[in-house]
Amino acid sequence: MAYKSGRTNIRKYENKHELADDEQRDLITGRNPVLEALKSERPLNKIYVQKPASDGPLRMIDALARGRGVPVSYVEKAWLDRLAGGAHQGTAALAAVKEYCGIQDILDYAAEIAQKPLLVVANGIHDPNNLGAIIRSSEAAGAHGVVTPKRNAAGLTGAVAKASAGAVEHMRIARVSNITAALQDLKKQGLWIIGADAGGGTLYTDCDYTSASAIVIGGESGGLGRLVGETCDYIVKLPMFGKVSSLNASAAAAVILYEVLRQRLAVNGR
C-alpha cells in the first residue's frame, strides 16, 4: 500500500469544474490574455482549450503551449463554462507561481555548493496541500530540488505556495513529461533511486542516503506505480504500530528526509 493523502476530492478543479479560492486567482481566461501569457513566457501549469480547436487563435495557443512544454487539455465548452464562466472565448490557463527549472539545473546547483545531490520526486501528488507540504519539508531538510510530472499532478498554484509556507520561493522545482525516464537518466548520472512505499522491503533507517540520491514519493491514489517502482534501487518503508496502515505522503516524505539529513550530518561530523 502506498503512502496516501488523508484528503478526498484531490482533483476537484478538474472533476467538479471549480477552483479553490487560491487557485481561482491563478486562472487566466480569454484568447488574448492566454496568448499574451504564453508570449511573455509567464510560468503556466496547464492550458485548457475548447474542442474542436479549429480556428486560428486557438490553434496558435495550442502551438505556443506545446512549444513551451505547457500541458494542453481539450475540453467541452460546457466544461469551460463551469470552470471559468461564459467569457472564456474557448480557452483558459492556470498560471504557476514561479518558473519551473530543469533537472540538470538542480544537479548543477548541488555541484556548485559542493554537495551530493538530493532530489525529491513527487510522483503524481494531486492534493495542493500535500505537494506544498512536501516542498516545505524538502527545503527544510536541505534537498536541492523537487521533481513533479507535467500531467496528472498538482502544479505550482497559489494553494501549493500557501501550503509550502513560502518554501516554494527557495526550492528549485522541475517538471518532466515522464517520471520513469527521468529516474533512469538520474541513475545514469550516478544517483541512487529510493522509493517510499508502505509495502517496501527495507526499513527506512536501514538505507544509506549519504550518496547522491533521489527520494520518490508516490501519489495519493496510485502510489509509486509499477514502472517507477521497478526503476527504484530500493523501496523503503516506515514502521507502523497504530491502527492505520500508512502515513500521509507528505508526512512520510518528512520522516525520510530527516533521516537523510541525520545521516549526512553524521558523515560530516555534525
Protein backbone atom coordinates (compact mmCIF):
# COMPACT_ATOMS: atom_id res chain seq x y z
CA MET A 1 0.00 0.00 0.00
CA ALA A 2 1.29 3.45 -0.89
CA TYR A 3 1.63 6.38 1.44
CA LYS A 4 -1.59 8.27 0.85
CA SER A 5 -3.18 11.62 1.48
CA GLY A 6 -5.90 11.72 4.08
CA ARG A 7 -7.91 14.10 1.89
CA THR A 8 -10.53 13.10 -0.65
CA ASN A 9 -11.62 15.05 -3.73
CA ILE A 10 -7.99 15.57 -4.66
CA ARG A 11 -8.75 16.73 -8.21
CA LYS A 12 -11.81 18.89 -7.55
CA TYR A 13 -10.94 21.63 -10.01
CA GLU A 14 -10.94 19.10 -12.86
CA ASN A 15 -13.66 16.77 -11.65
CA LYS A 16 -16.14 19.40 -10.44
CA HIS A 17 -15.17 22.24 -12.76
CA GLU A 18 -14.33 24.61 -9.95
CA LEU A 19 -11.24 26.06 -8.35
CA ALA A 20 -10.34 26.67 -4.75
CA ASP A 21 -10.12 30.35 -3.84
CA ASP A 22 -6.31 30.39 -4.08
CA GLU A 23 -6.40 28.59 -7.42
CA GLN A 24 -9.12 30.89 -8.82
CA ARG A 25 -6.67 33.78 -8.63
CA ASP A 26 -4.28 31.77 -10.83
CA LEU A 27 -6.82 31.37 -13.65
CA ILE A 28 -6.34 33.37 -16.87
CA THR A 29 -9.31 33.44 -19.26
CA GLY A 30 -9.80 34.68 -22.82
CA ARG A 31 -7.81 34.30 -26.01
CA ASN A 32 -5.72 37.47 -25.84
CA PRO A 33 -4.81 37.12 -22.13
CA VAL A 34 -3.78 33.49 -22.63
CA LEU A 35 -1.81 34.34 -25.79
CA GLU A 36 -0.01 37.18 -24.02
CA ALA A 37 0.78 34.94 -21.06
CA LEU A 38 2.35 32.44 -23.46
CA LYS A 39 4.27 35.09 -25.41
CA SER A 40 5.60 36.71 -22.24
CA GLU A 41 6.85 33.30 -21.03
CA ARG A 42 4.87 33.64 -17.83
CA PRO A 43 5.09 30.32 -15.95
CA LEU A 44 1.97 28.24 -16.61
CA ASN A 45 0.79 24.93 -15.20
CA LYS A 46 -1.78 23.99 -17.82
CA ILE A 47 -3.88 25.36 -20.67
CA TYR A 48 -7.46 24.35 -21.40
CA VAL A 49 -8.68 24.62 -24.99
CA GLN A 50 -12.28 24.13 -26.12
CA LYS A 51 -12.59 21.36 -28.66
CA PRO A 52 -12.53 21.29 -31.56
CA ALA A 53 -9.69 23.85 -31.65
CA SER A 54 -10.38 24.73 -35.26
CA ASP A 55 -9.91 28.49 -35.55
CA GLY A 56 -6.65 30.40 -35.86
CA PRO A 57 -6.27 31.88 -32.34
CA LEU A 58 -6.95 28.57 -30.59
CA ARG A 59 -4.55 26.75 -32.92
CA MET A 60 -1.93 29.40 -32.15
CA ILE A 61 -2.46 28.95 -28.40
CA ASP A 62 -2.08 25.20 -28.83
CA ALA A 63 1.14 25.57 -30.86
CA LEU A 64 2.71 28.09 -28.48
CA ALA A 65 1.82 25.96 -25.45
CA ARG A 66 3.33 22.84 -26.95
CA GLY A 67 6.41 24.77 -27.99
CA ARG A 68 6.91 25.81 -24.37
CA GLY A 69 6.11 22.36 -23.00
CA VAL A 70 2.93 23.50 -21.24
CA PRO A 71 0.35 20.69 -20.99
CA VAL A 72 -2.82 21.27 -23.03
CA SER A 73 -6.18 19.70 -22.18
CA TYR A 74 -9.00 19.71 -24.74
CA VAL A 75 -12.38 20.13 -23.06
CA GLU A 76 -16.03 20.69 -23.96
CA LYS A 77 -17.49 24.21 -23.96
CA ALA A 78 -19.78 23.31 -21.07
CA TRP A 79 -16.73 22.25 -19.05
CA LEU A 80 -15.04 25.63 -19.62
CA ASP A 81 -18.30 27.45 -18.88
CA ARG A 82 -18.45 25.85 -15.45
CA LEU A 83 -14.74 26.35 -14.80
CA ALA A 84 -14.27 29.91 -16.00
CA GLY A 85 -17.65 31.45 -16.78
CA GLY A 86 -19.05 32.27 -20.17
CA ALA A 87 -16.46 34.86 -21.25
CA HIS A 88 -13.55 32.46 -21.72
CA GLN A 89 -13.58 32.58 -25.56
CA GLY A 90 -12.67 28.92 -25.73
CA THR A 91 -9.54 28.91 -23.59
CA ALA A 92 -8.20 29.33 -20.07
CA ALA A 93 -4.80 28.91 -18.44
CA LEU A 94 -3.77 28.02 -14.93
CA ALA A 95 -0.75 30.11 -14.02
CA ALA A 96 2.18 28.91 -11.92
CA VAL A 97 3.51 30.96 -9.03
CA LYS A 98 7.10 30.64 -10.24
CA GLU A 99 9.13 29.38 -13.18
CA TYR A 100 9.99 25.71 -13.35
CA CYS A 101 13.59 24.66 -13.89
CA GLY A 102 15.18 21.58 -15.44
CA ILE A 103 16.55 18.60 -13.53
CA GLN A 104 20.03 19.49 -14.71
CA ASP A 105 19.64 22.90 -13.03
CA ILE A 106 19.09 21.08 -9.73
CA LEU A 107 22.14 18.89 -10.23
CA ASP A 108 24.24 21.89 -11.25
CA TYR A 109 23.19 23.74 -8.09
CA ALA A 110 24.25 20.81 -5.88
CA ALA A 111 27.62 20.71 -7.66
CA GLU A 112 28.00 24.48 -7.27
CA ILE A 113 27.72 24.24 -3.49
CA ALA A 114 29.84 21.05 -3.42
CA GLN A 115 27.13 18.75 -2.07
CA LYS A 116 25.91 15.35 -3.19
CA PRO A 117 22.57 15.84 -4.93
CA LEU A 118 19.38 15.16 -3.03
CA LEU A 119 16.22 15.30 -5.13
CA VAL A 120 12.65 14.64 -4.03
CA VAL A 121 10.43 13.20 -6.75
CA ALA A 122 6.72 13.76 -6.10
CA ASN A 123 5.15 11.24 -8.45
CA GLY A 124 1.53 12.18 -9.11
CA ILE A 125 0.69 14.19 -6.00
CA HIS A 126 -2.71 15.75 -6.74
CA ASP A 127 -3.54 17.47 -3.45
CA PRO A 128 -2.05 21.02 -3.43
CA ASN A 129 -1.68 20.89 0.35
CA ASN A 130 0.22 17.61 0.11
CA LEU A 131 2.58 18.94 -2.57
CA GLY A 132 3.12 22.17 -0.66
CA ALA A 133 3.97 20.24 2.50
CA ILE A 134 6.46 18.06 0.58
CA ILE A 135 8.14 21.18 -0.83
CA ARG A 136 8.28 22.68 2.65
CA SER A 137 9.90 19.57 4.17
CA SER A 138 12.29 19.28 1.23
CA GLU A 139 13.50 22.84 1.68
CA ALA A 140 13.80 22.49 5.45
CA ALA A 141 15.81 19.26 5.19
CA GLY A 142 18.25 20.65 2.63
CA ALA A 143 17.07 18.95 -0.55
CA HIS A 144 18.36 20.60 -3.70
CA GLY A 145 15.17 20.32 -5.72
CA VAL A 146 11.77 18.74 -6.23
CA VAL A 147 10.65 16.96 -9.41
CA THR A 148 6.99 16.59 -10.45
CA PRO A 149 5.24 15.24 -13.57
CA LYS A 150 3.65 17.62 -16.07
CA ARG A 151 0.37 15.73 -16.17
CA ASN A 152 -1.95 14.16 -13.62
CA ALA A 153 -0.43 16.05 -10.71
CA ALA A 154 -0.76 19.36 -8.91
CA GLY A 155 1.17 22.28 -10.38
CA LEU A 156 2.67 25.29 -8.66
CA THR A 157 -0.56 27.09 -7.85
CA GLY A 158 -1.19 29.64 -5.13
CA ALA A 159 -2.66 26.88 -2.98
CA VAL A 160 0.60 24.93 -3.22
CA ALA A 161 2.64 28.03 -2.40
CA LYS A 162 0.45 28.73 0.63
CA ALA A 163 0.77 25.16 1.88
CA SER A 164 4.56 25.35 1.48
CA ALA A 165 4.66 28.33 3.88
CA GLY A 166 6.89 30.21 1.43
CA ALA A 167 9.32 27.35 0.81
CA VAL A 168 8.35 27.26 -2.88
CA GLU A 169 10.27 30.53 -3.34
CA HIS A 170 13.50 28.90 -2.18
CA MET A 171 13.20 25.50 -3.85
CA ARG A 172 14.15 24.54 -7.40
CA ILE A 173 11.23 22.67 -8.92
CA ALA A 174 11.47 20.75 -12.19
CA ARG A 175 8.60 19.33 -14.19
CA VAL A 176 9.08 16.36 -16.52
CA SER A 177 6.97 14.54 -19.11
CA ASN A 178 7.92 11.06 -17.90
CA ILE A 179 8.97 10.30 -14.33
CA THR A 180 10.33 6.84 -15.14
CA ALA A 181 12.54 8.17 -17.92
CA ALA A 182 13.76 10.98 -15.65
CA LEU A 183 14.68 8.48 -12.93
CA GLN A 184 16.52 6.29 -15.42
CA ASP A 185 18.52 9.31 -16.53
CA LEU A 186 19.35 10.17 -12.93
CA LYS A 187 20.60 6.61 -12.41
CA LYS A 188 22.92 7.04 -15.37
CA GLN A 189 24.28 10.16 -13.69
CA GLY A 190 25.12 8.21 -10.54
CA LEU A 191 22.12 8.82 -8.30
CA TRP A 192 20.53 6.10 -6.20
CA ILE A 193 16.75 5.97 -6.63
CA ILE A 194 14.92 5.29 -3.37
CA GLY A 195 11.15 4.88 -3.37
CA ALA A 196 8.89 5.13 -0.34
CA ASP A 197 6.06 2.62 -0.02
CA ALA A 198 4.35 1.01 2.95
CA GLY A 199 4.98 -2.38 1.30
CA GLY A 200 8.70 -1.77 0.83
CA GLY A 201 11.26 -4.38 1.78
CA THR A 202 13.78 -2.12 3.56
CA LEU A 203 13.24 -0.20 6.80
CA TYR A 204 13.83 3.48 6.03
CA THR A 205 16.58 3.76 8.65
CA ASP A 206 18.50 0.84 7.10
CA CYS A 207 19.05 2.60 3.79
CA ASP A 208 22.19 4.63 3.05
CA TYR A 209 21.30 8.13 1.87
CA THR A 210 24.77 9.64 2.03
CA SER A 211 25.39 9.18 -1.69
CA ALA A 212 23.71 11.21 -4.43
CA SER A 213 20.05 10.24 -4.11
CA ALA A 214 16.53 10.80 -5.37
CA ILE A 215 13.71 10.07 -2.93
CA VAL A 216 10.49 9.10 -4.73
CA ILE A 217 7.15 9.74 -3.01
CA GLY A 218 4.14 8.08 -4.67
CA GLY A 219 0.81 9.71 -5.43
CA GLU A 220 -2.28 9.55 -3.24
CA SER A 221 -4.17 7.08 -5.38
CA GLY A 222 -1.60 5.22 -7.47
CA GLY A 223 1.41 5.11 -5.17
CA LEU A 224 4.77 4.71 -6.87
CA GLY A 225 3.34 2.89 -9.88
CA ARG A 226 4.74 -0.31 -11.34
CA LEU A 227 7.33 1.17 -13.71
CA VAL A 228 8.59 3.69 -11.18
CA GLY A 229 8.77 1.01 -8.51
CA GLU A 230 10.79 -1.23 -10.84
CA THR A 231 13.16 1.65 -11.55
CA CYS A 232 13.94 2.23 -7.87
CA ASP A 233 17.13 0.75 -6.44
CA TYR A 234 15.49 0.42 -3.02
CA ILE A 235 11.95 0.73 -1.71
CA VAL A 236 11.81 1.73 1.93
CA LYS A 237 9.02 1.59 4.47
CA LEU A 238 8.26 3.25 7.78
CA PRO A 239 7.31 1.04 10.76
CA MET A 240 3.63 1.31 11.67
CA PHE A 241 2.32 0.37 15.13
CA GLY A 242 -1.10 2.02 15.13
CA LYS A 243 -4.44 1.08 13.63
CA VAL A 244 -3.91 2.92 10.32
CA SER A 245 -1.94 1.17 7.60
CA SER A 246 0.10 4.08 6.24
CA LEU A 247 1.06 7.73 6.66
CA ASN A 248 0.07 10.73 4.60
CA ALA A 249 2.50 11.08 1.68
CA SER A 250 3.88 14.40 2.89
CA ALA A 251 4.33 13.09 6.44
CA ALA A 252 6.22 10.06 5.14
CA ALA A 253 8.39 12.35 3.00
CA ALA A 254 9.26 14.49 6.03
CA VAL A 255 10.26 11.48 8.14
CA ILE A 256 12.51 10.05 5.42
CA LEU A 257 14.05 13.42 4.57
CA TYR A 258 15.10 13.97 8.16
CA GLU A 259 16.71 10.54 8.24
CA VAL A 260 18.61 11.61 5.11
CA LEU A 261 19.65 14.80 6.88
CA ARG A 262 20.67 12.90 10.03
CA GLN A 263 22.90 10.53 8.06
CA ARG A 264 24.50 13.28 6.03
CA LEU A 265 25.22 15.39 9.11
CA ALA A 266 26.77 12.37 10.83
CA VAL A 267 29.08 11.77 7.87
CA ASN A 268 30.20 15.39 8.11
CA GLY A 269 30.81 15.12 11.85
CA ARG A 270 27.87 17.28 12.82
